[in-house]
Amino acid sequence: ADRYAVADTPEAYAQILARMQRYDPAPIVQDR
């Protein structure tokens, strides 16, 4: 359940990206 997250807004995108970068410096971002 923690291996991906969905961002609906630019603000959520920035928050989730920062969280994922703790594991991966360049996380994958794709259309849902």
PDB file of all heavy atoms in Angstrom:
ATOM      1  N   ALA A   1       0.809  -1.215   0.000  1.00  0.00           N
ATOM      2  CA  ALA A   1       0.000   0.000   0.000  1.00  0.00           C
ATOM      3  C   ALA A   1       0.844   1.267   0.000  1.00  0.00           C
ATOM      4  O   ALA A   1       0.341   2.354  -0.299  1.00  0.00           O
ATOM      5  CB  ALA A   1      -0.927   0.013   1.214  1.00  0.00           C
ATOM      6  N   ASP A   2       2.140   1.156   0.330  1.00  0.00           N
ATOM      7  CA  ASP A   2       3.015   2.327   0.416  1.00  0.00           C
ATOM      8  C   ASP A   2       3.923   2.470  -0.790  1.00  0.00           C
ATOM      9  O   ASP A   2       4.759   3.372  -0.820  1.00  0.00           O
ATOM     10  CB  ASP A   2       3.876   2.248   1.681  1.00  0.00           C
ATOM     11  CG  ASP A   2       3.036   2.219   2.952  1.00  0.00           C
ATOM     12  OD1 ASP A   2       1.983   2.884   2.965  1.00  0.00           O
ATOM     13  OD2 ASP A   2       3.440   1.541   3.918  1.00  0.00           O
ATOM     14  N   ARG A   3       3.770   1.592  -1.776  1.00  0.00           N
ATOM     15  CA  ARG A   3       4.695   1.607  -2.913  1.00  0.00           C
ATOM     16  C   ARG A   3       4.324   2.630  -3.968  1.00  0.00           C
ATOM     17  O   ARG A   3       5.058   2.815  -4.927  1.00  0.00           O
ATOM     18  CB  ARG A   3       4.781   0.205  -3.533  1.00  0.00           C
ATOM     19  CG  ARG A   3       5.491  -0.772  -2.616  1.00  0.00           C
ATOM     20  CD  ARG A   3       5.440  -2.182  -3.160  1.00  0.00           C
ATOM     21  NE  ARG A   3       5.888  -3.145  -2.157  1.00  0.00           N
ATOM     22  CZ  ARG A   3       5.662  -4.446  -2.218  1.00  0.00           C
ATOM     23  NH1 ARG A   3       5.003  -4.939  -3.251  1.00  0.00           N
ATOM     24  NH2 ARG A   3       6.092  -5.246  -1.261  1.00  0.00           N
ATOM     25  N   TYR A   4       3.191   3.277  -3.833  1.00  0.00           N
ATOM     26  CA  TYR A   4       2.851   4.381  -4.722  1.00  0.00           C
ATOM     27  C   TYR A   4       1.788   5.230  -4.056  1.00  0.00           C
ATOM     28  O   TYR A   4       1.125   4.805  -3.102  1.00  0.00           O
ATOM     29  CB  TYR A   4       2.380   3.877  -6.086  1.00  0.00           C
ATOM     30  CG  TYR A   4       1.092   3.103  -6.085  1.00  0.00           C
ATOM     31  CD1 TYR A   4      -0.129   3.751  -6.230  1.00  0.00           C
ATOM     32  CD2 TYR A   4       1.101   1.717  -5.963  1.00  0.00           C
ATOM     33  CE1 TYR A   4      -1.310   3.039  -6.251  1.00  0.00           C
ATOM     34  CE2 TYR A   4      -0.080   0.998  -5.975  1.00  0.00           C
ATOM     35  CZ  TYR A   4      -1.286   1.667  -6.117  1.00  0.00           C
ATOM     36  OH  TYR A   4      -2.460   0.955  -6.137  1.00  0.00           O
ATOM     37  N   ALA A   5       1.630   6.444  -4.550  1.00  0.00           N
ATOM     38  CA  ALA A   5       0.617   7.359  -4.027  1.00  0.00           C
ATOM     39  C   ALA A   5       0.071   8.179  -5.182  1.00  0.00           C
ATOM     40  O   ALA A   5       0.747   8.396  -6.193  1.00  0.00           O
ATOM     41  CB  ALA A   5       1.215   8.269  -2.955  1.00  0.00           C
ATOM     42  N   VAL A   6      -1.169   8.666  -5.025  1.00  0.00           N
ATOM     43  CA  VAL A   6      -1.856   9.419  -6.070  1.00  0.00           C
ATOM     44  C   VAL A   6      -1.919  10.885  -5.668  1.00  0.00           C
ATOM     45  O   VAL A   6      -2.302  11.219  -4.542  1.00  0.00           O
ATOM     46  CB  VAL A   6      -3.276   8.869  -6.307  1.00  0.00           C
ATOM     47  CG1 VAL A   6      -4.008   9.706  -7.353  1.00  0.00           C
ATOM     48  CG2 VAL A   6      -3.213   7.407  -6.740  1.00  0.00           C
ATOM     49  N   ALA A   7      -1.526  11.758  -6.591  1.00  0.00           N
ATOM     50  CA  ALA A   7      -1.597  13.207  -6.372  1.00  0.00           C
ATOM     51  C   ALA A   7      -2.662  13.791  -7.288  1.00  0.00           C
ATOM     52  O   ALA A   7      -2.626  13.590  -8.507  1.00  0.00           O
ATOM     53  CB  ALA A   7      -0.244  13.853  -6.645  1.00  0.00           C
ATOM     54  N   ASP A   8      -3.610  14.537  -6.700  1.00  0.00           N
ATOM     55  CA  ASP A   8      -4.699  15.140  -7.471  1.00  0.00           C
ATOM     56  C   ASP A   8      -4.458  16.614  -7.789  1.00  0.00           C
ATOM     57  O   ASP A   8      -5.145  17.182  -8.633  1.00  0.00           O
ATOM     58  CB  ASP A   8      -6.024  15.011  -6.709  1.00  0.00           C
ATOM     59  CG  ASP A   8      -6.449  13.563  -6.558  1.00  0.00           C
ATOM     60  OD1 ASP A   8      -6.472  12.849  -7.577  1.00  0.00           O
ATOM     61  OD2 ASP A   8      -6.750  13.145  -5.420  1.00  0.00           O
ATOM     62  N   THR A   9      -3.498  17.231  -7.089  1.00  0.00           N
ATOM     63  CA  THR A   9      -3.232  18.658  -7.272  1.00  0.00           C
ATOM     64  C   THR A   9      -1.723  18.895  -7.277  1.00  0.00           C
ATOM     65  O   THR A   9      -0.948  18.043  -6.813  1.00  0.00           O
ATOM     66  CB  THR A   9      -3.839  19.476  -6.121  1.00  0.00           C
ATOM     67  OG1 THR A   9      -3.206  19.086  -4.875  1.00  0.00           O
ATOM     68  CG2 THR A   9      -5.346  19.249  -6.018  1.00  0.00           C
ATOM     69  N   PRO A  10      -1.269  20.064  -7.777  1.00  0.00           N
ATOM     70  CA  PRO A  10       0.165  20.385  -7.731  1.00  0.00           C
ATOM     71  C   PRO A  10       0.718  20.391  -6.307  1.00  0.00           C
ATOM     72  O   PRO A  10       1.865  19.990  -6.086  1.00  0.00           O
ATOM     73  CB  PRO A  10       0.234  21.775  -8.360  1.00  0.00           C
ATOM     74  CG  PRO A  10      -0.964  21.841  -9.259  1.00  0.00           C
ATOM     75  CD  PRO A  10      -2.030  21.063  -8.545  1.00  0.00           C
ATOM     76  N   GLU A  11      -0.099  20.817  -5.343  1.00  0.00           N
ATOM     77  CA  GLU A  11       0.356  20.844  -3.957  1.00  0.00           C
ATOM     78  C   GLU A  11       0.584  19.430  -3.436  1.00  0.00           C
ATOM     79  O   GLU A  11       1.600  19.135  -2.796  1.00  0.00           O
ATOM     80  CB  GLU A  11      -0.664  21.576  -3.078  1.00  0.00           C
ATOM     81  CG  GLU A  11      -0.814  23.063  -3.364  1.00  0.00           C
ATOM     82  CD  GLU A  11      -1.599  23.345  -4.641  1.00  0.00           C
ATOM     83  OE1 GLU A  11      -2.351  22.445  -5.090  1.00  0.00           O
ATOM     84  OE2 GLU A  11      -1.455  24.457  -5.184  1.00  0.00           O
ATOM     85  N   ALA A  12      -0.370  18.536  -3.709  1.00  0.00           N
ATOM     86  CA  ALA A  12      -0.219  17.145  -3.284  1.00  0.00           C
ATOM     87  C   ALA A  12       0.960  16.494  -3.992  1.00  0.00           C
ATOM     88  O   ALA A  12       1.694  15.696  -3.404  1.00  0.00           O
ATOM     89  CB  ALA A  12      -1.509  16.374  -3.562  1.00  0.00           C
ATOM     90  N   TYR A  13       1.157  16.840  -5.255  1.00  0.00           N
ATOM     91  CA  TYR A  13       2.284  16.292  -6.018  1.00  0.00           C
ATOM     92  C   TYR A  13       3.609  16.647  -5.351  1.00  0.00           C
ATOM     93  O   TYR A  13       4.487  15.790  -5.186  1.00  0.00           O
ATOM     94  CB  TYR A  13       2.237  16.831  -7.445  1.00  0.00           C
ATOM     95  CG  TYR A  13       3.521  16.668  -8.218  1.00  0.00           C
ATOM     96  CD1 TYR A  13       3.894  15.420  -8.718  1.00  0.00           C
ATOM     97  CD2 TYR A  13       4.352  17.758  -8.458  1.00  0.00           C
ATOM     98  CE1 TYR A  13       5.077  15.268  -9.433  1.00  0.00           C
ATOM     99  CE2 TYR A  13       5.529  17.607  -9.166  1.00  0.00           C
ATOM    100  CZ  TYR A  13       5.887  16.366  -9.651  1.00  0.00           C
ATOM    101  OH  TYR A  13       7.059  16.225 -10.346  1.00  0.00           O
ATOM    102  N   ALA A  14       3.766  17.907  -4.946  1.00  0.00           N
ATOM    103  CA  ALA A  14       5.015  18.343  -4.318  1.00  0.00           C
ATOM    104  C   ALA A  14       5.248  17.616  -2.993  1.00  0.00           C
ATOM    105  O   ALA A  14       6.381  17.203  -2.688  1.00  0.00           O
ATOM    106  CB  ALA A  14       4.985  19.854  -4.100  1.00  0.00           C
ATOM    107  N   GLN A  15       4.186  17.445  -2.204  1.00  0.00           N
ATOM    108  CA  GLN A  15       4.318  16.767  -0.909  1.00  0.00           C
ATOM    109  C   GLN A  15       4.669  15.294  -1.075  1.00  0.00           C
ATOM    110  O   GLN A  15       5.580  14.780  -0.414  1.00  0.00           O
ATOM    111  CB  GLN A  15       3.019  16.914  -0.115  1.00  0.00           C
ATOM    112  CG  GLN A  15       2.705  18.346   0.294  1.00  0.00           C
ATOM    113  CD  GLN A  15       1.356  18.465   0.981  1.00  0.00           C
ATOM    114  OE1 GLN A  15       0.623  17.483   1.127  1.00  0.00           O
ATOM    115  NE2 GLN A  15       1.016  19.674   1.419  1.00  0.00           N
ATOM    116  N   ILE A  16       3.965  14.620  -1.975  1.00  0.00           N
ATOM    117  CA  ILE A  16       4.212  13.185  -2.166  1.00  0.00           C
ATOM    118  C   ILE A  16       5.576  12.956  -2.793  1.00  0.00           C
ATOM    119  O   ILE A  16       6.295  12.021  -2.421  1.00  0.00           O
ATOM    120  CB  ILE A  16       3.093  12.570  -3.033  1.00  0.00           C
ATOM    121  CG1 ILE A  16       1.761  12.656  -2.295  1.00  0.00           C
ATOM    122  CG2 ILE A  16       3.420  11.119  -3.381  1.00  0.00           C
ATOM    123  CD1 ILE A  16       0.568  12.257  -3.150  1.00  0.00           C
ATOM    124  N   LEU A  17       5.959  13.808  -3.732  1.00  0.00           N
ATOM    125  CA  LEU A  17       7.272  13.675  -4.371  1.00  0.00           C
ATOM    126  C   LEU A  17       8.384  13.774  -3.333  1.00  0.00           C
ATOM    127  O   LEU A  17       9.335  12.973  -3.335  1.00  0.00           O
ATOM    128  CB  LEU A  17       7.446  14.750  -5.439  1.00  0.00           C
ATOM    129  CG  LEU A  17       8.726  14.652  -6.278  1.00  0.00           C
ATOM    130  CD1 LEU A  17       8.685  13.404  -7.144  1.00  0.00           C
ATOM    131  CD2 LEU A  17       8.880  15.903  -7.146  1.00  0.00           C
ATOM    132  N   ALA A  18       8.257  14.734  -2.430  1.00  0.00           N
ATOM    133  CA  ALA A  18       9.268  14.889  -1.387  1.00  0.00           C
ATOM    134  C   ALA A  18       9.324  13.665  -0.480  1.00  0.00           C
ATOM    135  O   ALA A  18      10.405  13.238  -0.056  1.00  0.00           O
ATOM    136  CB  ALA A  18       8.974  16.145  -0.566  1.00  0.00           C
ATOM    137  N   ARG A  19       8.166  13.088  -0.184  1.00  0.00           N
ATOM    138  CA  ARG A  19       8.125  11.895   0.657  1.00  0.00           C
ATOM    139  C   ARG A  19       8.758  10.704  -0.047  1.00  0.00           C
ATOM    140  O   ARG A  19       9.521   9.949   0.550  1.00  0.00           O
ATOM    141  CB  ARG A  19       6.676  11.586   1.042  1.00  0.00           C
ATOM    142  CG  ARG A  19       6.551  10.467   2.069  1.00  0.00           C
ATOM    143  CD  ARG A  19       5.141  10.305   2.562  1.00  0.00           C
ATOM    144  NE  ARG A  19       4.310   9.562   1.638  1.00  0.00           N
ATOM    145  CZ  ARG A  19       3.194  10.025   1.079  1.00  0.00           C
ATOM    146  NH1 ARG A  19       2.777  11.246   1.352  1.00  0.00           N
ATOM    147  NH2 ARG A  19       2.490   9.285   0.258  1.00  0.00           N
ATOM    148  N   MET A  20       8.454  10.517  -1.321  1.00  0.00           N
ATOM    149  CA  MET A  20       9.011   9.398  -2.069  1.00  0.00           C
ATOM    150  C   MET A  20      10.517   9.536  -2.287  1.00  0.00           C
ATOM    151  O   MET A  20      11.237   8.536  -2.406  1.00  0.00           O
ATOM    152  CB  MET A  20       8.312   9.270  -3.428  1.00  0.00           C
ATOM    153  CG  MET A  20       6.887   8.752  -3.346  1.00  0.00           C
ATOM    154  SD  MET A  20       6.820   7.006  -2.839  1.00  0.00           S
ATOM    155  CE  MET A  20       5.047   6.712  -2.908  1.00  0.00           C
ATOM    156  N   GLN A  21      10.995  10.765  -2.323  1.00  0.00           N
ATOM    157  CA  GLN A  21      12.428  10.983  -2.551  1.00  0.00           C
ATOM    158  C   GLN A  21      13.280  10.535  -1.375  1.00  0.00           C
ATOM    159  O   GLN A  21      14.503  10.447  -1.499  1.00  0.00           O
ATOM    160  CB  GLN A  21      12.683  12.459  -2.880  1.00  0.00           C
ATOM    161  CG  GLN A  21      12.272  12.827  -4.295  1.00  0.00           C
ATOM    162  CD  GLN A  21      12.379  14.298  -4.588  1.00  0.00           C
ATOM    163  OE1 GLN A  21      12.328  15.141  -3.675  1.00  0.00           O
ATOM    164  NE2 GLN A  21      12.528  14.649  -5.854  1.00  0.00           N
ATOM    165  N   ARG A  22      12.647  10.212  -0.264  1.00  0.00           N
ATOM    166  CA  ARG A  22      13.396   9.623   0.849  1.00  0.00           C
ATOM    167  C   ARG A  22      13.872   8.220   0.493  1.00  0.00           C
ATOM    168  O   ARG A  22      14.864   7.735   1.031  1.00  0.00           O
ATOM    169  CB  ARG A  22      12.528   9.577   2.107  1.00  0.00           C
ATOM    170  CG  ARG A  22      12.222  10.950   2.712  1.00  0.00           C
ATOM    171  CD  ARG A  22      11.414  10.820   3.990  1.00  0.00           C
ATOM    172  NE  ARG A  22      10.087  10.261   3.721  1.00  0.00           N
ATOM    173  CZ  ARG A  22       9.196   9.977   4.670  1.00  0.00           C
ATOM    174  NH1 ARG A  22       9.500  10.175   5.941  1.00  0.00           N
ATOM    175  NH2 ARG A  22       8.017   9.490   4.353  1.00  0.00           N
ATOM    176  N   TYR A  23      13.143   7.558  -0.414  1.00  0.00           N
ATOM    177  CA  TYR A  23      13.515   6.216  -0.846  1.00  0.00           C
ATOM    178  C   TYR A  23      14.224   6.226  -2.192  1.00  0.00           C
ATOM    179  O   TYR A  23      15.161   5.467  -2.418  1.00  0.00           O
ATOM    180  CB  TYR A  23      12.265   5.328  -0.948  1.00  0.00           C
ATOM    181  CG  TYR A  23      11.377   5.363   0.272  1.00  0.00           C
ATOM    182  CD1 TYR A  23      10.162   6.034   0.265  1.00  0.00           C
ATOM    183  CD2 TYR A  23      11.763   4.725   1.445  1.00  0.00           C
ATOM    184  CE1 TYR A  23       9.341   6.064   1.386  1.00  0.00           C
ATOM    185  CE2 TYR A  23      10.944   4.750   2.576  1.00  0.00           C
ATOM    186  CZ  TYR A  23       9.741   5.421   2.529  1.00  0.00           C
ATOM    187  OH  TYR A  23       8.936   5.455   3.641  1.00  0.00           O
ATOM    188  N   ASP A  24      13.747   7.073  -3.078  1.00  0.00           N
ATOM    189  CA  ASP A  24      14.252   7.098  -4.447  1.00  0.00           C
ATOM    190  C   ASP A  24      14.456   8.562  -4.841  1.00  0.00           C
ATOM    191  O   ASP A  24      13.500   9.339  -4.841  1.00  0.00           O
ATOM    192  CB  ASP A  24      13.234   6.420  -5.375  1.00  0.00           C
ATOM    193  CG  ASP A  24      13.743   6.237  -6.784  1.00  0.00           C
ATOM    194  OD1 ASP A  24      14.629   7.003  -7.200  1.00  0.00           O
ATOM    195  OD2 ASP A  24      13.254   5.333  -7.481  1.00  0.00           O
ATOM    196  N   PRO A  25      15.681   8.969  -5.194  1.00  0.00           N
ATOM    197  CA  PRO A  25      15.912  10.386  -5.520  1.00  0.00           C
ATOM    198  C   PRO A  25      15.172  10.865  -6.756  1.00  0.00           C
ATOM    199  O   PRO A  25      14.945  12.061  -6.924  1.00  0.00           O
ATOM    200  CB  PRO A  25      17.432  10.444  -5.739  1.00  0.00           C
ATOM    201  CG  PRO A  25      17.848   9.036  -6.010  1.00  0.00           C
ATOM    202  CD  PRO A  25      16.911   8.167  -5.233  1.00  0.00           C
ATOM    203  N   ALA A  26      14.775   9.941  -7.625  1.00  0.00           N
ATOM    204  CA  ALA A  26      14.046  10.326  -8.843  1.00  0.00           C
ATOM    205  C   ALA A  26      12.855   9.396  -9.043  1.00  0.00           C
ATOM    206  O   ALA A  26      12.876   8.506  -9.894  1.00  0.00           O
ATOM    207  CB  ALA A  26      14.964  10.289 -10.055  1.00  0.00           C
ATOM    208  N   PRO A  27      11.794   9.552  -8.242  1.00  0.00           N
ATOM    209  CA  PRO A  27      10.630   8.666  -8.358  1.00  0.00           C
ATOM    210  C   PRO A  27       9.982   8.759  -9.734  1.00  0.00           C
ATOM    211  O   PRO A  27      10.136   9.752 -10.452  1.00  0.00           O
ATOM    212  CB  PRO A  27       9.685   9.178  -7.262  1.00  0.00           C
ATOM    213  CG  PRO A  27      10.523  10.001  -6.363  1.00  0.00           C
ATOM    214  CD  PRO A  27      11.603  10.572  -7.206  1.00  0.00           C
ATOM    215  N   ILE A  28       9.238   7.727 -10.084  1.00  0.00           N
ATOM    216  CA  ILE A  28       8.518   7.686 -11.352  1.00  0.00           C
ATOM    217  C   ILE A  28       7.185   8.408 -11.190  1.00  0.00           C
ATOM    218  O   ILE A  28       6.477   8.208 -10.201  1.00  0.00           O
ATOM    219  CB  ILE A  28       8.288   6.231 -11.780  1.00  0.00           C
ATOM    220  CG1 ILE A  28       9.638   5.541 -12.038  1.00  0.00           C
ATOM    221  CG2 ILE A  28       7.399   6.146 -13.009  1.00  0.00           C
ATOM    222  CD1 ILE A  28       9.528   4.054 -12.226  1.00  0.00           C
ATOM    223  N   VAL A  29       6.833   9.237 -12.162  1.00  0.00           N
ATOM    224  CA  VAL A  29       5.568   9.972 -12.156  1.00  0.00           C
ATOM    225  C   VAL A  29       4.836   9.650 -13.456  1.00  0.00           C
ATOM    226  O   VAL A  29       5.364   9.880 -14.553  1.00  0.00           O
ATOM    227  CB  VAL A  29       5.794  11.494 -12.044  1.00  0.00           C
ATOM    228  CG1 VAL A  29       4.448  12.224 -12.018  1.00  0.00           C
ATOM    229  CG2 VAL A  29       6.614  11.822 -10.807  1.00  0.00           C
ATOM    230  N   GLN A  30       3.626   9.110 -13.339  1.00  0.00           N
ATOM    231  CA  GLN A  30       2.843   8.704 -14.506  1.00  0.00           C
ATOM    232  C   GLN A  30       1.391   9.146 -14.363  1.00  0.00           C
ATOM    233  O   GLN A  30       0.904   9.345 -13.249  1.00  0.00           O
ATOM    234  CB  GLN A  30       2.870   7.171 -14.672  1.00  0.00           C
ATOM    235  CG  GLN A  30       4.224   6.581 -14.942  1.00  0.00           C
ATOM    236  CD  GLN A  30       4.183   5.064 -14.992  1.00  0.00           C
ATOM    237  OE1 GLN A  30       3.263   4.437 -14.468  1.00  0.00           O
ATOM    238  NE2 GLN A  30       5.191   4.464 -15.615  1.00  0.00           N
ATOM    239  N   ASP A  31       0.720   9.273 -15.505  1.00  0.00           N
ATOM    240  CA  ASP A  31      -0.729   9.500 -15.474  1.00  0.00           C
ATOM    241  C   ASP A  31      -1.400   8.346 -14.750  1.00  0.00           C
ATOM    242  O   ASP A  31      -1.001   7.183 -14.913  1.00  0.00           O
ATOM    243  CB  ASP A  31      -1.284   9.572 -16.899  1.00  0.00           C
ATOM    244  CG  ASP A  31      -1.042  10.924 -17.556  1.00  0.00           C
ATOM    245  OD1 ASP A  31      -0.713  11.886 -16.840  1.00  0.00           O
ATOM    246  OD2 ASP A  31      -1.165  11.002 -18.793  1.00  0.00           O
ATOM    247  N   ARG A  32      -2.418   8.665 -13.974  1.00  0.00           N
ATOM    248  CA  ARG A  32      -3.173   7.607 -13.322  1.00  0.00           C
ATOM    249  C   ARG A  32      -4.137   6.980 -14.312  1.00  0.00           C
ATOM    250  O   ARG A  32      -4.919   7.683 -14.954  1.00  0.00           O
ATOM    251  CB  ARG A  32      -3.935   8.145 -12.120  1.00  0.00           C
ATOM    252  CG  ARG A  32      -4.642   7.049 -11.328  1.00  0.00           C
ATOM    253  CD  ARG A  32      -5.503   7.607 -10.234  1.00  0.00           C
ATOM    254  NE  ARG A  32      -6.041   6.538  -9.396  1.00  0.00           N
ATOM    255  CZ  ARG A  32      -6.942   6.708  -8.448  1.00  0.00           C
ATOM    256  NH1 ARG A  32      -7.406   7.916  -8.203  1.00  0.00           N
ATOM    257  NH2 ARG A  32      -7.365   5.700  -7.730  1.00  0.00           N
TER     258      ARG A  32
END
